[in-house]
PDB file of N, CA and C in Angstrom:
ATOM      1  N   MET A   1       0.815  -1.198   0.000  1.00  0.00           N
ATOM      2  CA  MET A   1       0.000   0.000   0.000  1.00  0.00           C
ATOM      3  C   MET A   1       0.861   1.265   0.000  1.00  0.00           C
ATOM      4  N   ARG A   2       2.050   1.221   0.535  1.00  0.00           N
ATOM      5  CA  ARG A   2       2.924   2.384   0.587  1.00  0.00           C
ATOM      6  C   ARG A   2       3.340   2.855  -0.805  1.00  0.00           C
ATOM      7  N   ARG A   3       3.464   1.959  -1.732  1.00  0.00           N
ATOM      8  CA  ARG A   3       3.948   2.337  -3.050  1.00  0.00           C
ATOM      9  C   ARG A   3       2.998   3.281  -3.778  1.00  0.00           C
ATOM     10  N   TYR A   4       1.751   3.377  -3.362  1.00  0.00           N
ATOM     11  CA  TYR A   4       0.777   4.266  -3.992  1.00  0.00           C
ATOM     12  C   TYR A   4       0.736   5.660  -3.374  1.00  0.00           C
ATOM     13  N   VAL A   5       1.398   5.841  -2.248  1.00  0.00           N
ATOM     14  CA  VAL A   5       1.355   7.131  -1.559  1.00  0.00           C
ATOM     15  C   VAL A   5       2.095   8.203  -2.355  1.00  0.00           C
ATOM     16  N   VAL A   6       3.286   7.893  -2.813  1.00  0.00           N
ATOM     17  CA  VAL A   6       4.087   8.884  -3.534  1.00  0.00           C
ATOM     18  C   VAL A   6       3.402   9.321  -4.829  1.00  0.00           C
ATOM     19  N   PRO A   7       2.931   8.400  -5.673  1.00  0.00           N
ATOM     20  CA  PRO A   7       2.240   8.867  -6.873  1.00  0.00           C
ATOM     21  C   PRO A   7       0.993   9.682  -6.548  1.00  0.00           C
ATOM     22  N   SER A   8       0.286   9.334  -5.502  1.00  0.00           N
ATOM     23  CA  SER A   8      -0.910  10.092  -5.134  1.00  0.00           C
ATOM     24  C   SER A   8      -0.559  11.510  -4.717  1.00  0.00           C
ATOM     25  N   ILE A   9       0.518  11.645  -3.958  1.00  0.00           N
ATOM     26  CA  ILE A   9       0.958  12.976  -3.537  1.00  0.00           C
ATOM     27  C   ILE A   9       1.416  13.777  -4.758  1.00  0.00           C
ATOM     28  N   ALA A  10       2.178  13.138  -5.628  1.00  0.00           N
ATOM     29  CA  ALA A  10       2.653  13.818  -6.830  1.00  0.00           C
ATOM     30  C   ALA A  10       1.484  14.265  -7.700  1.00  0.00           C
ATOM     31  N   LEU A  11       0.477  13.427  -7.813  1.00  0.00           N
ATOM     32  CA  LEU A  11      -0.701  13.782  -8.599  1.00  0.00           C
ATOM     33  C   LEU A  11      -1.438  14.961  -7.980  1.00  0.00           C
ATOM     34  N   ALA A  12      -1.545  14.973  -6.666  1.00  0.00           N
ATOM     35  CA  ALA A  12      -2.222  16.078  -5.984  1.00  0.00           C
ATOM     36  C   ALA A  12      -1.465  17.392  -6.186  1.00  0.00           C
ATOM     37  N   VAL A  13      -0.137  17.341  -6.079  1.00  0.00           N
ATOM     38  CA  VAL A  13       0.673  18.545  -6.270  1.00  0.00           C
ATOM     39  C   VAL A  13       0.557  19.037  -7.707  1.00  0.00           C
ATOM     40  N   LEU A  14       0.615  18.118  -8.662  1.00  0.00           N
ATOM     41  CA  LEU A  14       0.490  18.484 -10.071  1.00  0.00           C
ATOM     42  C   LEU A  14      -0.873  19.092 -10.361  1.00  0.00           C
ATOM     43  N   SER A  15      -1.922  18.512  -9.815  1.00  0.00           N
ATOM     44  CA  SER A  15      -3.274  19.045 -10.012  1.00  0.00           C
ATOM     45  C   SER A  15      -3.393  20.447  -9.449  1.00  0.00           C
ATOM     46  N   SER A  16      -2.821  20.670  -8.276  1.00  0.00           N
ATOM     47  CA  SER A  16      -2.862  22.002  -7.668  1.00  0.00           C
ATOM     48  C   SER A  16      -2.108  23.015  -8.516  1.00  0.00           C
ATOM     49  N   ALA A  17      -0.961  22.599  -9.044  1.00  0.00           N
ATOM     50  CA  ALA A  17      -0.171  23.506  -9.875  1.00  0.00           C
ATOM     51  C   ALA A  17      -0.920  23.862 -11.149  1.00  0.00           C
ATOM     52  N   LEU A  18      -1.586  22.895 -11.750  1.00  0.00           N
ATOM     53  CA  LEU A  18      -2.354  23.172 -12.963  1.00  0.00           C
ATOM     54  C   LEU A  18      -3.520  24.107 -12.686  1.00  0.00           C
ATOM     55  N   LEU A  19      -4.205  23.907 -11.573  1.00  0.00           N
ATOM     56  CA  LEU A  19      -5.307  24.800 -11.220  1.00  0.00           C
ATOM     57  C   LEU A  19      -4.807  26.209 -10.982  1.00  0.00           C
ATOM     58  N   PHE A  20      -3.667  26.340 -10.295  1.00  0.00           N
ATOM     59  CA  PHE A  20      -3.094  27.653 -10.038  1.00  0.00           C
ATOM     60  C   PHE A  20      -2.711  28.329 -11.345  1.00  0.00           C
ATOM     61  N   ALA A  21      -2.116  27.574 -12.266  1.00  0.00           N
ATOM     62  CA  ALA A  21      -1.703  28.145 -13.550  1.00  0.00           C
ATOM     63  C   ALA A  21      -2.900  28.623 -14.349  1.00  0.00           C
ATOM     64  N   GLN A  22      -4.021  27.916 -14.267  1.00  0.00           N
ATOM     65  CA  GLN A  22      -5.213  28.316 -14.993  1.00  0.00           C
ATOM     66  C   GLN A  22      -5.848  29.560 -14.397  1.00  0.00           C
ATOM     67  N   GLU A  23      -5.725  29.736 -13.107  1.00  0.00           N
ATOM     68  CA  GLU A  23      -6.358  30.868 -12.437  1.00  0.00           C
ATOM     69  C   GLU A  23      -5.572  32.154 -12.584  1.00  0.00           C
ATOM     70  N   THR A  24      -4.268  32.061 -12.785  1.00  0.00           N
ATOM     71  CA  THR A  24      -3.449  33.266 -12.867  1.00  0.00           C
ATOM     72  C   THR A  24      -3.256  33.650 -14.327  1.00  0.00           C
ATOM     73  N   LYS A  25      -3.996  34.634 -14.740  1.00  0.00           N
ATOM     74  CA  LYS A  25      -3.866  35.162 -16.092  1.00  0.00           C
ATOM     75  C   LYS A  25      -3.055  36.444 -16.000  1.00  0.00           C
ATOM     76  N   PRO A  26      -2.304  36.739 -17.040  1.00  0.00           N
ATOM     77  CA  PRO A  26      -1.529  37.973 -16.994  1.00  0.00           C
ATOM     78  C   PRO A  26      -2.445  39.193 -16.920  1.00  0.00           C
ATOM     79  N   ALA A  27      -2.009  40.173 -16.167  1.00  0.00           N
ATOM     80  CA  ALA A  27      -2.785  41.414 -16.069  1.00  0.00           C
ATOM     81  C   ALA A  27      -2.754  42.116 -17.420  1.00  0.00           C
ATOM     82  N   LEU A  28      -3.890  42.634 -17.810  1.00  0.00           N
ATOM     83  CA  LEU A  28      -3.988  43.328 -19.091  1.00  0.00           C
ATOM     84  C   LEU A  28      -3.629  44.796 -18.929  1.00  0.00           C
ATOM     85  N   SER A  29      -2.927  45.311 -19.905  1.00  0.00           N
ATOM     86  CA  SER A  29      -2.634  46.747 -19.939  1.00  0.00           C
ATOM     87  C   SER A  29      -3.937  47.473 -20.275  1.00  0.00           C
ATOM     88  N   PRO A  30      -3.981  48.773 -20.074  1.00  0.00           N
ATOM     89  CA  PRO A  30      -5.187  49.519 -20.445  1.00  0.00           C
ATOM     90  C   PRO A  30      -5.569  49.333 -21.920  1.00  0.00           C
ATOM     91  N   ALA A  31      -4.593  49.323 -22.815  1.00  0.00           N
ATOM     92  CA  ALA A  31      -4.888  49.128 -24.237  1.00  0.00           C
ATOM     93  C   ALA A  31      -5.453  47.729 -24.488  1.00  0.00           C
ATOM     94  N   GLU A  32      -4.883  46.728 -23.821  1.00  0.00           N
ATOM     95  CA  GLU A  32      -5.375  45.352 -23.962  1.00  0.00           C
ATOM     96  C   GLU A  32      -6.787  45.222 -23.388  1.00  0.00           C
ATOM     97  N   GLN A  33      -7.038  45.894 -22.280  1.00  0.00           N
ATOM     98  CA  GLN A  33      -8.370  45.866 -21.675  1.00  0.00           C
ATOM     99  C   GLN A  33      -9.410  46.467 -22.618  1.00  0.00           C
ATOM    100  N   ALA A  34      -9.045  47.553 -23.267  1.00  0.00           N
ATOM    101  CA  ALA A  34      -9.976  48.206 -24.199  1.00  0.00           C
ATOM    102  C   ALA A  34     -10.314  47.268 -25.357  1.00  0.00           C
ATOM    103  N   ILE A  35      -9.313  46.596 -25.887  1.00  0.00           N
ATOM    104  CA  ILE A  35      -9.551  45.661 -26.988  1.00  0.00           C
ATOM    105  C   ILE A  35     -10.371  44.479 -26.509  1.00  0.00           C
ATOM    106  N   ALA A  36     -10.058  43.958 -25.331  1.00  0.00           N
ATOM    107  CA  ALA A  36     -10.819  42.831 -24.780  1.00  0.00           C
ATOM    108  C   ALA A  36     -12.287  43.205 -24.618  1.00  0.00           C
ATOM    109  N   GLY A  37     -12.549  44.423 -24.190  1.00  0.00           N
ATOM    110  CA  GLY A  37     -13.926  44.896 -24.052  1.00  0.00           C
ATOM    111  C   GLY A  37     -14.642  44.946 -25.389  1.00  0.00           C
ATOM    112  N   GLN A  38     -13.935  45.367 -26.423  1.00  0.00           N
ATOM    113  CA  GLN A  38     -14.540  45.419 -27.756  1.00  0.00           C
ATOM    114  C   GLN A  38     -14.781  44.017 -28.305  1.00  0.00           C
ATOM    115  N   LEU A  39     -13.893  43.082 -27.984  1.00  0.00           N
ATOM    116  CA  LEU A  39     -14.079  41.708 -28.436  1.00  0.00           C
ATOM    117  C   LEU A  39     -15.313  41.069 -27.795  1.00  0.00           C
ATOM    118  N   LYS A  40     -15.576  41.434 -26.548  1.00  0.00           N
ATOM    119  CA  LYS A  40     -16.731  40.870 -25.843  1.00  0.00           C
ATOM    120  C   LYS A  40     -18.060  41.244 -26.499  1.00  0.00           C
ATOM    121  N   VAL A  41     -18.094  42.390 -27.135  1.00  0.00           N
ATOM    122  CA  VAL A  41     -19.346  42.853 -27.742  1.00  0.00           C
ATOM    123  C   VAL A  41     -19.321  42.792 -29.273  1.00  0.00           C
ATOM    124  N   LEU A  42     -18.300  42.173 -29.843  1.00  0.00           N
ATOM    125  CA  LEU A  42     -18.178  42.135 -31.304  1.00  0.00           C
ATOM    126  C   LEU A  42     -19.365  41.441 -31.960  1.00  0.00           C
ATOM    127  N   ARG A  43     -19.911  40.433 -31.317  1.00  0.00           N
ATOM    128  CA  ARG A  43     -21.061  39.725 -31.891  1.00  0.00           C
ATOM    129  C   ARG A  43     -22.298  40.623 -31.979  1.00  0.00           C
ATOM    130  N   GLN A  44     -22.329  41.690 -31.214  1.00  0.00           N
ATOM    131  CA  GLN A  44     -23.477  42.591 -31.213  1.00  0.00           C
ATOM    132  C   GLN A  44     -23.373  43.664 -32.305  1.00  0.00           C
ATOM    133  N   VAL A  45     -22.217  43.769 -32.918  1.00  0.00           N
ATOM    134  CA  VAL A  45     -22.025  44.755 -33.989  1.00  0.00           C
ATOM    135  C   VAL A  45     -22.805  44.284 -35.213  1.00  0.00           C
ATOM    136  N   PRO A  46     -23.569  45.173 -35.835  1.00  0.00           N
ATOM    137  CA  PRO A  46     -24.315  44.781 -37.036  1.00  0.00           C
ATOM    138  C   PRO A  46     -23.372  44.239 -38.118  1.00  0.00           C
ATOM    139  N   ASP A  47     -23.849  43.245 -38.845  1.00  0.00           N
ATOM    140  CA  ASP A  47     -23.027  42.626 -39.885  1.00  0.00           C
ATOM    141  C   ASP A  47     -22.482  43.636 -40.891  1.00  0.00           C
ATOM    142  N   SER A  48     -23.242  44.678 -41.156  1.00  0.00           N
ATOM    143  CA  SER A  48     -22.803  45.685 -42.129  1.00  0.00           C
ATOM    144  C   SER A  48     -21.554  46.442 -41.657  1.00  0.00           C
ATOM    145  N   LYS A  49     -21.289  46.442 -40.352  1.00  0.00           N
ATOM    146  CA  LYS A  49     -20.143  47.156 -39.792  1.00  0.00           C
ATOM    147  C   LYS A  49     -19.094  46.218 -39.211  1.00  0.00           C
ATOM    148  N   ARG A  50     -19.443  44.968 -39.033  1.00  0.00           N
ATOM    149  CA  ARG A  50     -18.568  44.050 -38.302  1.00  0.00           C
ATOM    150  C   ARG A  50     -17.236  43.797 -39.000  1.00  0.00           C
ATOM    151  N   GLY A  51     -17.226  43.747 -40.324  1.00  0.00           N
ATOM    152  CA  GLY A  51     -15.966  43.549 -41.046  1.00  0.00           C
ATOM    153  C   GLY A  51     -14.975  44.666 -40.769  1.00  0.00           C
ATOM    154  N   LYS A  52     -15.452  45.900 -40.835  1.00  0.00           N
ATOM    155  CA  LYS A  52     -14.577  47.050 -40.576  1.00  0.00           C
ATOM    156  C   LYS A  52     -14.098  47.074 -39.128  1.00  0.00           C
ATOM    157  N   VAL A  53     -14.999  46.772 -38.208  1.00  0.00           N
ATOM    158  CA  VAL A  53     -14.630  46.751 -36.787  1.00  0.00           C
ATOM    159  C   VAL A  53     -13.607  45.649 -36.523  1.00  0.00           C
ATOM    160  N   THR A  54     -13.821  44.490 -37.125  1.00  0.00           N
ATOM    161  CA  THR A  54     -12.893  43.366 -36.958  1.00  0.00           C
ATOM    162  C   THR A  54     -11.511  43.714 -37.515  1.00  0.00           C
ATOM    163  N   THR A  55     -11.481  44.331 -38.678  1.00  0.00           N
ATOM    164  CA  THR A  55     -10.206  44.743 -39.276  1.00  0.00           C
ATOM    165  C   THR A  55      -9.500  45.752 -38.382  1.00  0.00           C
ATOM    166  N   ARG A  56     -10.253  46.717 -37.874  1.00  0.00           N
ATOM    167  CA  ARG A  56      -9.685  47.731 -36.986  1.00  0.00           C
ATOM    168  C   ARG A  56      -9.094  47.090 -35.726  1.00  0.00           C
ATOM    169  N   LEU A  57      -9.806  46.104 -35.167  1.00  0.00           N
ATOM    170  CA  LEU A  57      -9.304  45.415 -33.974  1.00  0.00           C
ATOM    171  C   LEU A  57      -8.027  44.637 -34.286  1.00  0.00           C
ATOM    172  N   ALA A  58      -7.977  44.008 -35.459  1.00  0.00           N
ATOM    173  CA  ALA A  58      -6.772  43.272 -35.847  1.00  0.00           C
ATOM    174  C   ALA A  58      -5.565  44.213 -35.898  1.00  0.00           C
ATOM    175  N   LEU A  59      -5.759  45.382 -36.472  1.00  0.00           N
ATOM    176  CA  LEU A  59      -4.663  46.348 -36.569  1.00  0.00           C
ATOM    177  C   LEU A  59      -4.261  46.879 -35.198  1.00  0.00           C
ATOM    178  N   LYS A  60      -5.236  47.089 -34.313  1.00  0.00           N
ATOM    179  CA  LYS A  60      -4.928  47.547 -32.949  1.00  0.00           C
ATOM    180  C   LYS A  60      -4.133  46.484 -32.198  1.00  0.00           C
ATOM    181  N   ILE A  61      -4.519  45.228 -32.359  1.00  0.00           N
ATOM    182  CA  ILE A  61      -3.802  44.143 -31.680  1.00  0.00           C
ATOM    183  C   ILE A  61      -2.370  44.074 -32.187  1.00  0.00           C
ATOM    184  N   ARG A  62      -2.164  44.255 -33.472  1.00  0.00           N
ATOM    185  CA  ARG A  62      -0.808  44.222 -34.040  1.00  0.00           C
ATOM    186  C   ARG A  62       0.099  45.274 -33.436  1.00  0.00           C
ATOM    187  N   ARG A  63      -0.470  46.422 -33.092  1.00  0.00           N
ATOM    188  CA  ARG A  63       0.347  47.518 -32.553  1.00  0.00           C
ATOM    189  C   ARG A  63       0.726  47.315 -31.087  1.00  0.00           C
ATOM    190  N   LEU A  64       0.108  46.337 -30.426  1.00  0.00           N
ATOM    191  CA  LEU A  64       0.429  46.083 -29.021  1.00  0.00           C
ATOM    192  C   LEU A  64       1.836  45.496 -28.894  1.00  0.00           C
ATOM    193  N   PRO A  65       2.491  45.736 -27.752  1.00  0.00           N
ATOM    194  CA  PRO A  65       3.773  45.056 -27.515  1.00  0.00           C
ATOM    195  C   PRO A  65       3.535  43.547 -27.363  1.00  0.00           C
ATOM    196  N   LYS A  66       4.557  42.768 -27.637  1.00  0.00           N
ATOM    197  CA  LYS A  66       4.432  41.313 -27.549  1.00  0.00           C
ATOM    198  C   LYS A  66       4.265  40.881 -26.097  1.00  0.00           C
ATOM    199  N   THR A  67       3.096  40.318 -25.814  1.00  0.00           N
ATOM    200  CA  THR A  67       2.808  39.770 -24.498  1.00  0.00           C
ATOM    201  C   THR A  67       1.968  38.516 -24.687  1.00  0.00           C
ATOM    202  N   GLU A  68       1.815  37.771 -23.620  1.00  0.00           N
ATOM    203  CA  GLU A  68       0.949  36.598 -23.669  1.00  0.00           C
ATOM    204  C   GLU A  68      -0.498  37.016 -23.926  1.00  0.00           C
ATOM    205  N   ALA A  69      -0.883  38.144 -23.364  1.00  0.00           N
ATOM    206  CA  ALA A  69      -2.249  38.642 -23.554  1.00  0.00           C
ATOM    207  C   ALA A  69      -2.504  38.995 -25.020  1.00  0.00           C
ATOM    208  N   LYS A  70      -1.503  39.514 -25.712  1.00  0.00           N
ATOM    209  CA  LYS A  70      -1.655  39.873 -27.120  1.00  0.00           C
ATOM    210  C   LYS A  70      -2.028  38.637 -27.934  1.00  0.00           C
ATOM    211  N   LEU A  71      -1.362  37.530 -27.662  1.00  0.00           N
ATOM    212  CA  LEU A  71      -1.671  36.289 -28.367  1.00  0.00           C
ATOM    213  C   LEU A  71      -3.099  35.846 -28.075  1.00  0.00           C
ATOM    214  N   GLY A  72      -3.526  35.971 -26.834  1.00  0.00           N
ATOM    215  CA  GLY A  72      -4.897  35.607 -26.481  1.00  0.00           C
ATOM    216  C   GLY A  72      -5.924  36.465 -27.202  1.00  0.00           C
ATOM    217  N   LEU A  73      -5.663  37.750 -27.301  1.00  0.00           N
ATOM    218  CA  LEU A  73      -6.576  38.653 -28.007  1.00  0.00           C
ATOM    219  C   LEU A  73      -6.643  38.305 -29.488  1.00  0.00           C
ATOM    220  N   ALA A  74      -5.487  38.026 -30.087  1.00  0.00           N
ATOM    221  CA  ALA A  74      -5.455  37.654 -31.504  1.00  0.00           C
ATOM    222  C   ALA A  74      -6.193  36.345 -31.740  1.00  0.00           C
ATOM    223  N   ASP A  75      -6.032  35.408 -30.830  1.00  0.00           N
ATOM    224  CA  ASP A  75      -6.712  34.120 -30.954  1.00  0.00           C
ATOM    225  C   ASP A  75      -8.224  34.283 -30.834  1.00  0.00           C
ATOM    226  N   THR A  76      -8.653  35.086 -29.883  1.00  0.00           N
ATOM    227  CA  THR A  76     -10.089  35.344 -29.718  1.00  0.00           C
ATOM    228  C   THR A  76     -10.664  36.001 -30.963  1.00  0.00           C
ATOM    229  N   LEU A  77      -9.949  36.982 -31.488  1.00  0.00           N
ATOM    230  CA  LEU A  77     -10.418  37.662 -32.704  1.00  0.00           C
ATOM    231  C   LEU A  77     -10.492  36.688 -33.876  1.00  0.00           C
ATOM    232  N   ALA A  78      -9.531  35.795 -33.973  1.00  0.00           N
ATOM    233  CA  ALA A  78      -9.541  34.809 -35.062  1.00  0.00           C
ATOM    234  C   ALA A  78     -10.796  33.941 -34.994  1.00  0.00           C
ATOM    235  N   GLY A  79     -11.164  33.519 -33.804  1.00  0.00           N
ATOM    236  CA  GLY A  79     -12.379  32.721 -33.660  1.00  0.00           C
ATOM    237  C   GLY A  79     -13.624  33.500 -34.030  1.00  0.00           C
ATOM    238  N   LEU A  80     -13.698  34.728 -33.579  1.00  0.00           N
ATOM    239  CA  LEU A  80     -14.876  35.553 -33.855  1.00  0.00           C
ATOM    240  C   LEU A  80     -14.981  35.939 -35.331  1.00  0.00           C
ATOM    241  N   SER A  81     -13.852  36.047 -35.991  1.00  0.00           N
ATOM    242  CA  SER A  81     -13.864  36.512 -37.381  1.00  0.00           C
ATOM    243  C   SER A  81     -14.432  35.486 -38.349  1.00  0.00           C
ATOM    244  N   THR A  82     -14.582  34.262 -37.908  1.00  0.00           N
ATOM    245  CA  THR A  82     -15.118  33.222 -38.786  1.00  0.00           C
ATOM    246  C   THR A  82     -16.614  33.020 -38.594  1.00  0.00           C
ATOM    247  N   GLU A  83     -17.227  33.826 -37.762  1.00  0.00           N
ATOM    248  CA  GLU A  83     -18.663  33.712 -37.494  1.00  0.00           C
ATOM    249  C   GLU A  83     -19.450  34.585 -38.466  1.00  0.00           C
ATOM    250  N   GLY A  84     -19.333  34.285 -39.707  1.00  0.00           N
ATOM    251  CA  GLY A  84     -19.992  35.059 -40.749  1.00  0.00           C
ATOM    252  C   GLY A  84     -19.021  35.294 -41.886  1.00  0.00           C
ATOM    253  N   ASP A  85     -19.475  35.998 -42.902  1.00  0.00           N
ATOM    254  CA  ASP A  85     -18.628  36.298 -44.049  1.00  0.00           C
ATOM    255  C   ASP A  85     -18.408  37.804 -44.091  1.00  0.00           C
ATOM    256  N   PHE A  86     -17.247  38.222 -43.607  1.00  0.00           N
ATOM    257  CA  PHE A  86     -16.953  39.651 -43.519  1.00  0.00           C
ATOM    258  C   PHE A  86     -15.863  40.058 -44.495  1.00  0.00           C
ATOM    259  N   GLY A  87     -15.633  39.220 -45.476  1.00  0.00           N
ATOM    260  CA  GLY A  87     -14.725  39.561 -46.552  1.00  0.00           C
ATOM    261  C   GLY A  87     -13.330  38.986 -46.408  1.00  0.00           C
ATOM    262  N   LYS A  88     -12.719  38.812 -47.570  1.00  0.00           N
ATOM    263  CA  LYS A  88     -11.370  38.248 -47.630  1.00  0.00           C
ATOM    264  C   LYS A  88     -10.349  39.147 -46.940  1.00  0.00           C
ATOM    265  N   ARG A  89     -10.481  40.452 -47.135  1.00  0.00           N
ATOM    266  CA  ARG A  89      -9.519  41.387 -46.527  1.00  0.00           C
ATOM    267  C   ARG A  89      -9.554  41.284 -45.011  1.00  0.00           C
ATOM    268  N   THR A  90     -10.755  41.198 -44.462  1.00  0.00           N
ATOM    269  CA  THR A  90     -10.889  41.080 -43.005  1.00  0.00           C
ATOM    270  C   THR A  90     -10.197  39.818 -42.513  1.00  0.00           C
ATOM    271  N   LEU A  91     -10.481  38.694 -43.156  1.00  0.00           N
ATOM    272  CA  LEU A  91      -9.842  37.439 -42.740  1.00  0.00           C
ATOM    273  C   LEU A  91      -8.331  37.494 -42.887  1.00  0.00           C
ATOM    274  N   GLN A  92      -7.850  38.147 -43.948  1.00  0.00           N
ATOM    275  CA  GLN A  92      -6.407  38.257 -44.142  1.00  0.00           C
ATOM    276  C   GLN A  92      -5.764  39.087 -43.042  1.00  0.00           C
ATOM    277  N   GLU A  93      -6.401  40.186 -42.667  1.00  0.00           N
ATOM    278  CA  GLU A  93      -5.859  41.031 -41.590  1.00  0.00           C
ATOM    279  C   GLU A  93      -5.829  40.271 -40.263  1.00  0.00           C
ATOM    280  N   VAL A  94      -6.882  39.521 -39.989  1.00  0.00           N
ATOM    281  CA  VAL A  94      -6.942  38.733 -38.746  1.00  0.00           C
ATOM    282  C   VAL A  94      -5.866  37.639 -38.778  1.00  0.00           C
ATOM    283  N   ALA A  95      -5.725  36.956 -39.907  1.00  0.00           N
ATOM    284  CA  ALA A  95      -4.731  35.889 -40.028  1.00  0.00           C
ATOM    285  C   ALA A  95      -3.311  36.444 -39.877  1.00  0.00           C
ATOM    286  N   THR A  96      -3.052  37.590 -40.477  1.00  0.00           N
ATOM    287  CA  THR A  96      -1.738  38.218 -40.356  1.00  0.00           C
ATOM    288  C   THR A  96      -1.467  38.587 -38.910  1.00  0.00           C
ATOM    289  N   THR A  97      -2.459  39.113 -38.241  1.00  0.00           N
ATOM    290  CA  THR A  97      -2.298  39.473 -36.827  1.00  0.00           C
ATOM    291  C   THR A  97      -1.975  38.244 -35.998  1.00  0.00           C
ATOM    292  N   LEU A  98      -2.696  37.169 -36.218  1.00  0.00           N
ATOM    293  CA  LEU A  98      -2.456  35.941 -35.461  1.00  0.00           C
ATOM    294  C   LEU A  98      -1.074  35.369 -35.770  1.00  0.00           C
ATOM    295  N   ALA A  99      -0.667  35.442 -37.020  1.00  0.00           N
ATOM    296  CA  ALA A  99       0.644  34.919 -37.403  1.00  0.00           C
ATOM    297  C   ALA A  99       1.792  35.700 -36.758  1.00  0.00           C
ATOM    298  N   LEU A 100       1.601  37.016 -36.656  1.00  0.00           N
ATOM    299  CA  LEU A 100       2.652  37.840 -36.064  1.00  0.00           C
ATOM    300  C   LEU A 100       2.730  37.636 -34.567  1.00  0.00           C
TER     301      LEU A 100
END
């Protein structure tokens, strides 16, 4: 029975570390917060304007300094940009942002 104690403890420590890592997200800069706020409401933008708004957000994300949060914002925008047909240019700008 003793041989199972060490793996159980190791599993508990690993689980705790993973939970802690998931809970600690990098703090967003004011510019990142503003973009995150716009991403939250992007689905509410009328389709006639959403392509332009999406392109504008892609360009704003590109201008941010390289951080972990920047990648998260680009990834979120990439997912949202495929929820409809907002034009080839919009998708290209989003893809370029994600690639960078």
